[in-house]
Amino acid sequence: MKIKTSVTISEDLLKVMNDFLGADQNRSLFLETAAWSYIAKLRRAQQNAKDIEIINRRADYLNSEVMDALSYQVPL
């Protein structure tokens, strides 16, 4: 469902946006696509931050596992 709204943007942004609009696109579609793309980027950043926190919390254990596995390698 679409909801009509009003958004205020700079004249410069409007000019650049119009340069990228295809013949079959309109400003609403362009802005909606841009917003969804930005939201996806923010979600990825949130997930990456959670993943880094988990890795950092488990770093000592993971490092000990790696050192154990490396001890089995034969010198070349």
PDB file of N, CA and C in Angstrom:
ATOM      1  N   MET A   1       0.841  -1.172   0.000  1.00  0.00           N
ATOM      2  CA  MET A   1       0.000   0.000   0.000  1.00  0.00           C
ATOM      3  C   MET A   1       0.889   1.238   0.000  1.00  0.00           C
ATOM      4  N   LYS A   2       0.576   2.162  -0.838  1.00  0.00           N
ATOM      5  CA  LYS A   2       1.315   3.417  -0.927  1.00  0.00           C
ATOM      6  C   LYS A   2       0.591   4.492  -0.131  1.00  0.00           C
ATOM      7  N   ILE A   3       1.374   5.344   0.520  1.00  0.00           N
ATOM      8  CA  ILE A   3       0.834   6.461   1.286  1.00  0.00           C
ATOM      9  C   ILE A   3       1.460   7.734   0.744  1.00  0.00           C
ATOM     10  N   LYS A   4       0.641   8.698   0.417  1.00  0.00           N
ATOM     11  CA  LYS A   4       1.136   9.959  -0.103  1.00  0.00           C
ATOM     12  C   LYS A   4       1.733  10.773   1.046  1.00  0.00           C
ATOM     13  N   THR A   5       2.916  11.352   0.782  1.00  0.00           N
ATOM     14  CA  THR A   5       3.587  12.165   1.785  1.00  0.00           C
ATOM     15  C   THR A   5       4.299  13.315   1.083  1.00  0.00           C
ATOM     16  N   SER A   6       4.822  14.203   1.835  1.00  0.00           N
ATOM     17  CA  SER A   6       5.567  15.331   1.291  1.00  0.00           C
ATOM     18  C   SER A   6       6.976  15.313   1.875  1.00  0.00           C
ATOM     19  N   VAL A   7       7.968  15.505   1.001  1.00  0.00           N
ATOM     20  CA  VAL A   7       9.363  15.491   1.431  1.00  0.00           C
ATOM     21  C   VAL A   7      10.031  16.739   0.874  1.00  0.00           C
ATOM     22  N   THR A   8      10.823  17.397   1.694  1.00  0.00           N
ATOM     23  CA  THR A   8      11.550  18.582   1.248  1.00  0.00           C
ATOM     24  C   THR A   8      13.010  18.197   1.035  1.00  0.00           C
ATOM     25  N   ILE A   9      13.518  18.457  -0.174  1.00  0.00           N
ATOM     26  CA  ILE A   9      14.917  18.171  -0.497  1.00  0.00           C
ATOM     27  C   ILE A   9      15.534  19.409  -1.145  1.00  0.00           C
ATOM     28  N   SER A  10      16.851  19.425  -1.198  1.00  0.00           N
ATOM     29  CA  SER A  10      17.533  20.579  -1.776  1.00  0.00           C
ATOM     30  C   SER A  10      17.351  20.599  -3.296  1.00  0.00           C
ATOM     31  N   GLU A  11      17.459  21.783  -3.845  1.00  0.00           N
ATOM     32  CA  GLU A  11      17.336  21.943  -5.294  1.00  0.00           C
ATOM     33  C   GLU A  11      18.455  21.194  -6.017  1.00  0.00           C
ATOM     34  N   ASP A  12      19.658  21.218  -5.443  1.00  0.00           N
ATOM     35  CA  ASP A  12      20.786  20.502  -6.050  1.00  0.00           C
ATOM     36  C   ASP A  12      20.513  19.003  -6.131  1.00  0.00           C
ATOM     37  N   LEU A  13      19.989  18.437  -5.040  1.00  0.00           N
ATOM     38  CA  LEU A  13      19.672  17.012  -5.045  1.00  0.00           C
ATOM     39  C   LEU A  13      18.608  16.705  -6.094  1.00  0.00           C
ATOM     40  N   LEU A  14      17.621  17.535  -6.192  1.00  0.00           N
ATOM     41  CA  LEU A  14      16.554  17.323  -7.170  1.00  0.00           C
ATOM     42  C   LEU A  14      17.104  17.323  -8.595  1.00  0.00           C
ATOM     43  N   LYS A  15      18.004  18.247  -8.896  1.00  0.00           N
ATOM     44  CA  LYS A  15      18.602  18.306 -10.231  1.00  0.00           C
ATOM     45  C   LYS A  15      19.398  17.038 -10.540  1.00  0.00           C
ATOM     46  N   VAL A  16      20.209  16.605  -9.598  1.00  0.00           N
ATOM     47  CA  VAL A  16      21.007  15.393  -9.814  1.00  0.00           C
ATOM     48  C   VAL A  16      20.104  14.176  -9.938  1.00  0.00           C
ATOM     49  N   MET A  17      19.093  14.088  -9.091  1.00  0.00           N
ATOM     50  CA  MET A  17      18.154  12.972  -9.140  1.00  0.00           C
ATOM     51  C   MET A  17      17.463  12.925 -10.503  1.00  0.00           C
ATOM     52  N   ASN A  18      17.040  14.061 -11.003  1.00  0.00           N
ATOM     53  CA  ASN A  18      16.386  14.112 -12.307  1.00  0.00           C
ATOM     54  C   ASN A  18      17.306  13.636 -13.428  1.00  0.00           C
ATOM     55  N   ASP A  19      18.617  13.882 -13.290  1.00  0.00           N
ATOM     56  CA  ASP A  19      19.577  13.411 -14.293  1.00  0.00           C
ATOM     57  C   ASP A  19      19.616  11.883 -14.365  1.00  0.00           C
ATOM     58  N   PHE A  20      19.341  11.221 -13.251  1.00  0.00           N
ATOM     59  CA  PHE A  20      19.416   9.767 -13.195  1.00  0.00           C
ATOM     60  C   PHE A  20      18.079   9.066 -13.430  1.00  0.00           C
ATOM     61  N   LEU A  21      17.015   9.820 -13.481  1.00  0.00           N
ATOM     62  CA  LEU A  21      15.707   9.213 -13.687  1.00  0.00           C
ATOM     63  C   LEU A  21      15.586   8.690 -15.110  1.00  0.00           C
ATOM     64  N   GLY A  22      15.137   7.445 -15.238  1.00  0.00           N
ATOM     65  CA  GLY A  22      14.874   6.884 -16.545  1.00  0.00           C
ATOM     66  C   GLY A  22      13.539   7.370 -17.073  1.00  0.00           C
ATOM     67  N   ALA A  23      13.282   7.093 -18.337  1.00  0.00           N
ATOM     68  CA  ALA A  23      12.037   7.533 -18.966  1.00  0.00           C
ATOM     69  C   ALA A  23      10.820   6.920 -18.286  1.00  0.00           C
ATOM     70  N   ASP A  24      10.989   5.695 -17.753  1.00  0.00           N
ATOM     71  CA  ASP A  24       9.860   5.003 -17.133  1.00  0.00           C
ATOM     72  C   ASP A  24       9.827   5.164 -15.613  1.00  0.00           C
ATOM     73  N   GLN A  25      10.706   5.986 -15.050  1.00  0.00           N
ATOM     74  CA  GLN A  25      10.748   6.171 -13.605  1.00  0.00           C
ATOM     75  C   GLN A  25      10.145   7.519 -13.221  1.00  0.00           C
ATOM     76  N   ASN A  26       9.733   7.586 -11.976  1.00  0.00           N
ATOM     77  CA  ASN A  26       9.294   8.863 -11.440  1.00  0.00           C
ATOM     78  C   ASN A  26      10.062   9.124 -10.145  1.00  0.00           C
ATOM     79  N   ARG A  27       9.931  10.290  -9.623  1.00  0.00           N
ATOM     80  CA  ARG A  27      10.692  10.658  -8.426  1.00  0.00           C
ATOM     81  C   ARG A  27      10.338   9.784  -7.234  1.00  0.00           C
ATOM     82  N   SER A  28       9.076   9.453  -7.080  1.00  0.00           N
ATOM     83  CA  SER A  28       8.661   8.620  -5.944  1.00  0.00           C
ATOM     84  C   SER A  28       9.352   7.264  -5.979  1.00  0.00           C
ATOM     85  N   LEU A  29       9.363   6.641  -7.156  1.00  0.00           N
ATOM     86  CA  LEU A  29      10.020   5.335  -7.291  1.00  0.00           C
ATOM     87  C   LEU A  29      11.519   5.458  -7.017  1.00  0.00           C
ATOM     88  N   PHE A  30      12.121   6.518  -7.552  1.00  0.00           N
ATOM     89  CA  PHE A  30      13.550   6.744  -7.341  1.00  0.00           C
ATOM     90  C   PHE A  30      13.868   6.876  -5.856  1.00  0.00           C
ATOM     91  N   LEU A  31      13.105   7.704  -5.155  1.00  0.00           N
ATOM     92  CA  LEU A  31      13.348   7.921  -3.721  1.00  0.00           C
ATOM     93  C   LEU A  31      13.059   6.663  -2.906  1.00  0.00           C
ATOM     94  N   GLU A  32      12.011   5.930  -3.264  1.00  0.00           N
ATOM     95  CA  GLU A  32      11.709   4.697  -2.540  1.00  0.00           C
ATOM     96  C   GLU A  32      12.820   3.669  -2.719  1.00  0.00           C
ATOM     97  N   THR A  33      13.313   3.532  -3.946  1.00  0.00           N
ATOM     98  CA  THR A  33      14.416   2.603  -4.212  1.00  0.00           C
ATOM     99  C   THR A  33      15.665   3.003  -3.429  1.00  0.00           C
ATOM    100  N   ALA A  34      15.964   4.299  -3.418  1.00  0.00           N
ATOM    101  CA  ALA A  34      17.131   4.795  -2.683  1.00  0.00           C
ATOM    102  C   ALA A  34      16.982   4.541  -1.183  1.00  0.00           C
ATOM    103  N   ALA A  35      15.790   4.762  -0.658  1.00  0.00           N
ATOM    104  CA  ALA A  35      15.559   4.548   0.775  1.00  0.00           C
ATOM    105  C   ALA A  35      15.721   3.076   1.141  1.00  0.00           C
ATOM    106  N   TRP A  36      15.146   2.169   0.347  1.00  0.00           N
ATOM    107  CA  TRP A  36      15.294   0.733   0.628  1.00  0.00           C
ATOM    108  C   TRP A  36      16.757   0.299   0.560  1.00  0.00           C
ATOM    109  N   SER A  37      17.478   0.849  -0.396  1.00  0.00           N
ATOM    110  CA  SER A  37      18.899   0.525  -0.520  1.00  0.00           C
ATOM    111  C   SER A  37      19.670   0.993   0.717  1.00  0.00           C
ATOM    112  N   TYR A  38      19.373   2.191   1.188  1.00  0.00           N
ATOM    113  CA  TYR A  38      20.041   2.725   2.377  1.00  0.00           C
ATOM    114  C   TYR A  38      19.674   1.926   3.623  1.00  0.00           C
ATOM    115  N   ILE A  39      18.421   1.532   3.733  1.00  0.00           N
ATOM    116  CA  ILE A  39      17.988   0.704   4.869  1.00  0.00           C
ATOM    117  C   ILE A  39      18.719  -0.630   4.866  1.00  0.00           C
ATOM    118  N   ALA A  40      18.887  -1.239   3.700  1.00  0.00           N
ATOM    119  CA  ALA A  40      19.626  -2.507   3.602  1.00  0.00           C
ATOM    120  C   ALA A  40      21.073  -2.314   4.061  1.00  0.00           C
ATOM    121  N   LYS A  41      21.671  -1.189   3.681  1.00  0.00           N
ATOM    122  CA  LYS A  41      23.043  -0.881   4.113  1.00  0.00           C
ATOM    123  C   LYS A  41      23.122  -0.746   5.636  1.00  0.00           C
ATOM    124  N   LEU A  42      22.152  -0.064   6.230  1.00  0.00           N
ATOM    125  CA  LEU A  42      22.127   0.097   7.687  1.00  0.00           C
ATOM    126  C   LEU A  42      21.949  -1.247   8.391  1.00  0.00           C
ATOM    127  N   ARG A  43      21.088  -2.106   7.849  1.00  0.00           N
ATOM    128  CA  ARG A  43      20.880  -3.435   8.440  1.00  0.00           C
ATOM    129  C   ARG A  43      22.155  -4.270   8.375  1.00  0.00           C
ATOM    130  N   ARG A  44      22.863  -4.205   7.221  1.00  0.00           N
ATOM    131  CA  ARG A  44      24.134  -4.935   7.107  1.00  0.00           C
ATOM    132  C   ARG A  44      25.135  -4.431   8.136  1.00  0.00           C
ATOM    133  N   ALA A  45      25.195  -3.118   8.326  1.00  0.00           N
ATOM    134  CA  ALA A  45      26.120  -2.536   9.300  1.00  0.00           C
ATOM    135  C   ALA A  45      25.776  -2.994  10.716  1.00  0.00           C
ATOM    136  N   GLN A  46      24.484  -3.063  11.043  1.00  0.00           N
ATOM    137  CA  GLN A  46      24.068  -3.559  12.361  1.00  0.00           C
ATOM    138  C   GLN A  46      24.484  -5.013  12.547  1.00  0.00           C
ATOM    139  N   GLN A  47      24.248  -5.843  11.531  1.00  0.00           N
ATOM    140  CA  GLN A  47      24.607  -7.259  11.627  1.00  0.00           C
ATOM    141  C   GLN A  47      26.116  -7.428  11.734  1.00  0.00           C
ATOM    142  N   ASN A  48      26.871  -6.640  10.961  1.00  0.00           N
ATOM    143  CA  ASN A  48      28.333  -6.713  11.048  1.00  0.00           C
ATOM    144  C   ASN A  48      28.814  -6.339  12.443  1.00  0.00           C
ATOM    145  N   ALA A  49      28.227  -5.330  13.053  1.00  0.00           N
ATOM    146  CA  ALA A  49      28.614  -4.925  14.407  1.00  0.00           C
ATOM    147  C   ALA A  49      28.324  -6.041  15.401  1.00  0.00           C
ATOM    148  N   LYS A  50      27.179  -6.711  15.251  1.00  0.00           N
ATOM    149  CA  LYS A  50      26.852  -7.839  16.135  1.00  0.00           C
ATOM    150  C   LYS A  50      27.850  -8.977  15.940  1.00  0.00           C
ATOM    151  N   ASP A  51      28.193  -9.268  14.681  1.00  0.00           N
ATOM    152  CA  ASP A  51      29.146 -10.344  14.387  1.00  0.00           C
ATOM    153  C   ASP A  51      30.520 -10.043  14.977  1.00  0.00           C
ATOM    154  N   ILE A  52      30.966  -8.804  14.840  1.00  0.00           N
ATOM    155  CA  ILE A  52      32.264  -8.411  15.391  1.00  0.00           C
ATOM    156  C   ILE A  52      32.264  -8.540  16.909  1.00  0.00           C
ATOM    157  N   GLU A  53      31.161  -8.159  17.538  1.00  0.00           N
ATOM    158  CA  GLU A  53      31.064  -8.273  18.995  1.00  0.00           C
ATOM    159  C   GLU A  53      31.175  -9.739  19.421  1.00  0.00           C
ATOM    160  N   ILE A  54      30.524 -10.635  18.689  1.00  0.00           N
ATOM    161  CA  ILE A  54      30.589 -12.073  19.007  1.00  0.00           C
ATOM    162  C   ILE A  54      32.012 -12.588  18.809  1.00  0.00           C
ATOM    163  N   ILE A  55      32.639 -12.226  17.707  1.00  0.00           N
ATOM    164  CA  ILE A  55      34.012 -12.675  17.433  1.00  0.00           C
ATOM    165  C   ILE A  55      34.956 -12.161  18.515  1.00  0.00           C
ATOM    166  N   ASN A  56      34.823 -10.883  18.877  1.00  0.00           N
ATOM    167  CA  ASN A  56      35.695 -10.322  19.906  1.00  0.00           C
ATOM    168  C   ASN A  56      35.484 -11.010  21.259  1.00  0.00           C
ATOM    169  N   ARG A  57      34.235 -11.335  21.559  1.00  0.00           N
ATOM    170  CA  ARG A  57      33.939 -12.013  22.818  1.00  0.00           C
ATOM    171  C   ARG A  57      34.566 -13.411  22.843  1.00  0.00           C
ATOM    172  N   ARG A  58      34.657 -14.044  21.684  1.00  0.00           N
ATOM    173  CA  ARG A  58      35.175 -15.411  21.597  1.00  0.00           C
ATOM    174  C   ARG A  58      36.628 -15.461  21.109  1.00  0.00           C
ATOM    175  N   ALA A  59      37.311 -14.321  21.022  1.00  0.00           N
ATOM    176  CA  ALA A  59      38.640 -14.236  20.428  1.00  0.00           C
ATOM    177  C   ALA A  59      39.653 -15.152  21.109  1.00  0.00           C
ATOM    178  N   ASP A  60      39.693 -15.172  22.424  1.00  0.00           N
ATOM    179  CA  ASP A  60      40.680 -16.007  23.112  1.00  0.00           C
ATOM    180  C   ASP A  60      40.485 -17.483  22.771  1.00  0.00           C
ATOM    181  N   TYR A  61      39.246 -17.932  22.782  1.00  0.00           N
ATOM    182  CA  TYR A  61      38.966 -19.332  22.444  1.00  0.00           C
ATOM    183  C   TYR A  61      39.328 -19.623  20.994  1.00  0.00           C
ATOM    184  N   LEU A  62      38.931 -18.754  20.082  1.00  0.00           N
ATOM    185  CA  LEU A  62      39.228 -18.969  18.666  1.00  0.00           C
ATOM    186  C   LEU A  62      40.730 -18.966  18.402  1.00  0.00           C
ATOM    187  N   ASN A  63      41.452 -18.063  19.051  1.00  0.00           N
ATOM    188  CA  ASN A  63      42.904 -18.018  18.879  1.00  0.00           C
ATOM    189  C   ASN A  63      43.559 -19.279  19.404  1.00  0.00           C
ATOM    190  N   SER A  64      43.091 -19.808  20.524  1.00  0.00           N
ATOM    191  CA  SER A  64      43.679 -21.053  21.047  1.00  0.00           C
ATOM    192  C   SER A  64      43.397 -22.228  20.118  1.00  0.00           C
ATOM    193  N   GLU A  65      42.218 -22.257  19.497  1.00  0.00           N
ATOM    194  CA  GLU A  65      41.894 -23.312  18.534  1.00  0.00           C
ATOM    195  C   GLU A  65      42.816 -23.243  17.318  1.00  0.00           C
ATOM    196  N   VAL A  66      43.070 -22.041  16.835  1.00  0.00           N
ATOM    197  CA  VAL A  66      43.952 -21.870  15.683  1.00  0.00           C
ATOM    198  C   VAL A  66      45.369 -22.309  16.036  1.00  0.00           C
ATOM    199  N   MET A  67      45.852 -21.908  17.193  1.00  0.00           N
ATOM    200  CA  MET A  67      47.206 -22.296  17.597  1.00  0.00           C
ATOM    201  C   MET A  67      47.322 -23.814  17.740  1.00  0.00           C
ATOM    202  N   ASP A  68      46.290 -24.453  18.254  1.00  0.00           N
ATOM    203  CA  ASP A  68      46.281 -25.913  18.361  1.00  0.00           C
ATOM    204  C   ASP A  68      46.349 -26.547  16.980  1.00  0.00           C
ATOM    205  N   ALA A  69      45.547 -26.056  16.045  1.00  0.00           N
ATOM    206  CA  ALA A  69      45.544 -26.618  14.689  1.00  0.00           C
ATOM    207  C   ALA A  69      46.878 -26.382  14.009  1.00  0.00           C
ATOM    208  N   LEU A  70      47.495 -25.242  14.221  1.00  0.00           N
ATOM    209  CA  LEU A  70      48.796 -24.961  13.612  1.00  0.00           C
ATOM    210  C   LEU A  70      49.894 -25.856  14.165  1.00  0.00           C
ATOM    211  N   SER A  71      49.725 -26.306  15.389  1.00  0.00           N
ATOM    212  CA  SER A  71      50.764 -27.163  15.983  1.00  0.00           C
ATOM    213  C   SER A  71      50.842 -28.524  15.293  1.00  0.00           C
ATOM    214  N   TYR A  72      49.815 -28.897  14.548  1.00  0.00           N
ATOM    215  CA  TYR A  72      49.809 -30.172  13.828  1.00  0.00           C
ATOM    216  C   TYR A  72      50.478 -30.090  12.460  1.00  0.00           C
ATOM    217  N   GLN A  73      50.801 -28.891  12.024  1.00  0.00           N
ATOM    218  CA  GLN A  73      51.412 -28.737  10.694  1.00  0.00           C
ATOM    219  C   GLN A  73      52.861 -29.210  10.707  1.00  0.00           C
ATOM    220  N   VAL A  74      53.234 -29.812   9.611  1.00  0.00           N
ATOM    221  CA  VAL A  74      54.602 -30.295   9.442  1.00  0.00           C
ATOM    222  C   VAL A  74      55.432 -29.163   8.860  1.00  0.00           C
ATOM    223  N   PRO A  75      56.614 -28.926   9.420  1.00  0.00           N
ATOM    224  CA  PRO A  75      57.475 -27.866   8.858  1.00  0.00           C
ATOM    225  C   PRO A  75      57.863 -28.210   7.412  1.00  0.00           C
ATOM    226  N   LEU A  76      57.932 -27.190   6.560  1.00  0.00           N
ATOM    227  CA  LEU A  76      58.296 -27.413   5.162  1.00  0.00           C
ATOM    228  C   LEU A  76      59.773 -27.267   4.944  1.00  0.00           C
TER     229      LEU A  76
END
